[in-house]
């Protein structure tokens, strides 16, 4: 009998959404984020969200990130 993989259950698909809300705990922000499965994504790029007024768009996939309090 196979056991479920707890690490896989905590990941979210990369590029599954077009907009994400992130907090200061997620900084430094990268796309894809550490909690995203990476097998079907682009290379990791760090995004300067704090310097962009709390909003930034990934140049690779177009995902948008909003910094919330």
Protein backbone atom coordinates (compact mmCIF):
# COMPACT_ATOMS: atom_id res chain seq x y z
CA UNK A 1 0.00 0.00 0.00
CA UNK A 2 1.43 3.41 -0.93
CA UNK A 3 1.48 6.25 1.54
CA UNK A 4 0.56 9.79 0.53
CA UNK A 5 3.43 12.22 0.14
CA UNK A 6 2.85 15.00 2.72
CA UNK A 7 5.27 17.35 0.95
CA UNK A 8 3.31 17.07 -2.29
CA UNK A 9 0.05 17.87 -0.52
CA UNK A 10 1.42 21.22 0.66
CA UNK A 11 2.55 22.43 -2.74
CA UNK A 12 0.44 24.44 -5.11
CA UNK A 13 0.74 24.15 -8.87
CA UNK A 14 3.05 26.71 -10.43
CA UNK A 15 1.34 29.19 -12.71
CA UNK A 16 -2.08 27.81 -11.74
CA UNK A 17 -3.39 31.27 -10.98
CA UNK A 18 -2.77 34.64 -12.49
CA UNK A 19 -2.80 36.62 -9.23
CA UNK A 20 -1.43 35.77 -5.78
CA UNK A 21 -1.60 37.55 -2.43
CA UNK A 22 1.61 37.39 -0.42
CA UNK A 23 2.71 38.66 2.98
CA UNK A 24 6.03 39.92 4.35
CA UNK A 25 6.67 36.35 5.53
CA UNK A 26 6.96 35.38 1.84
CA UNK A 27 9.81 37.85 1.23
CA UNK A 28 12.14 37.73 -0.55
CA UNK A 29 9.55 36.93 -3.19
CA UNK A 30 10.38 34.60 -6.04
CA UNK A 31 8.38 33.18 -8.88
CA UNK A 32 7.76 30.33 -8.71
CA UNK A 33 7.34 30.51 -4.94
CA UNK A 34 8.93 27.80 -2.74
CA UNK A 35 5.52 26.24 -2.11
CA UNK A 36 4.88 25.74 -5.84
CA UNK A 37 5.70 22.54 -7.68
CA UNK A 38 8.53 23.35 -10.05
CA UNK A 39 8.48 20.59 -12.63
CA UNK A 40 6.44 22.59 -15.16
CA UNK A 41 7.57 26.12 -14.42
CA UNK A 42 10.13 28.66 -15.58
CA UNK A 43 13.49 29.38 -13.89
CA UNK A 44 13.25 31.04 -10.48
CA UNK A 45 13.33 34.81 -10.60
CA UNK A 46 13.29 37.14 -7.59
CA UNK A 47 10.69 39.90 -7.73
CA UNK A 48 11.19 43.30 -6.00
CA UNK A 49 7.63 43.62 -4.70
CA UNK A 50 8.36 45.94 -1.75
CA UNK A 51 10.10 48.39 -4.09
CA UNK A 52 7.21 48.28 -6.56
CA UNK A 53 4.55 49.62 -4.19
CA UNK A 54 3.28 46.23 -3.10
CA UNK A 55 2.52 44.92 -6.60
CA UNK A 56 4.75 43.18 -9.12
CA UNK A 57 4.31 41.09 -12.26
CA UNK A 58 6.54 38.13 -13.17
CA UNK A 59 8.37 38.79 -16.44
CA UNK A 60 8.31 35.08 -17.35
CA UNK A 61 4.74 33.91 -16.76
CA UNK A 62 2.82 37.14 -16.14
CA UNK A 63 1.63 36.10 -12.66
CA UNK A 64 0.82 39.11 -10.53
CA UNK A 65 1.65 39.38 -6.83
CA UNK A 66 0.05 41.73 -4.31
CA UNK A 67 1.69 42.38 -0.96
CA UNK A 68 -0.90 42.43 1.84
CA UNK A 69 -0.37 43.42 5.46
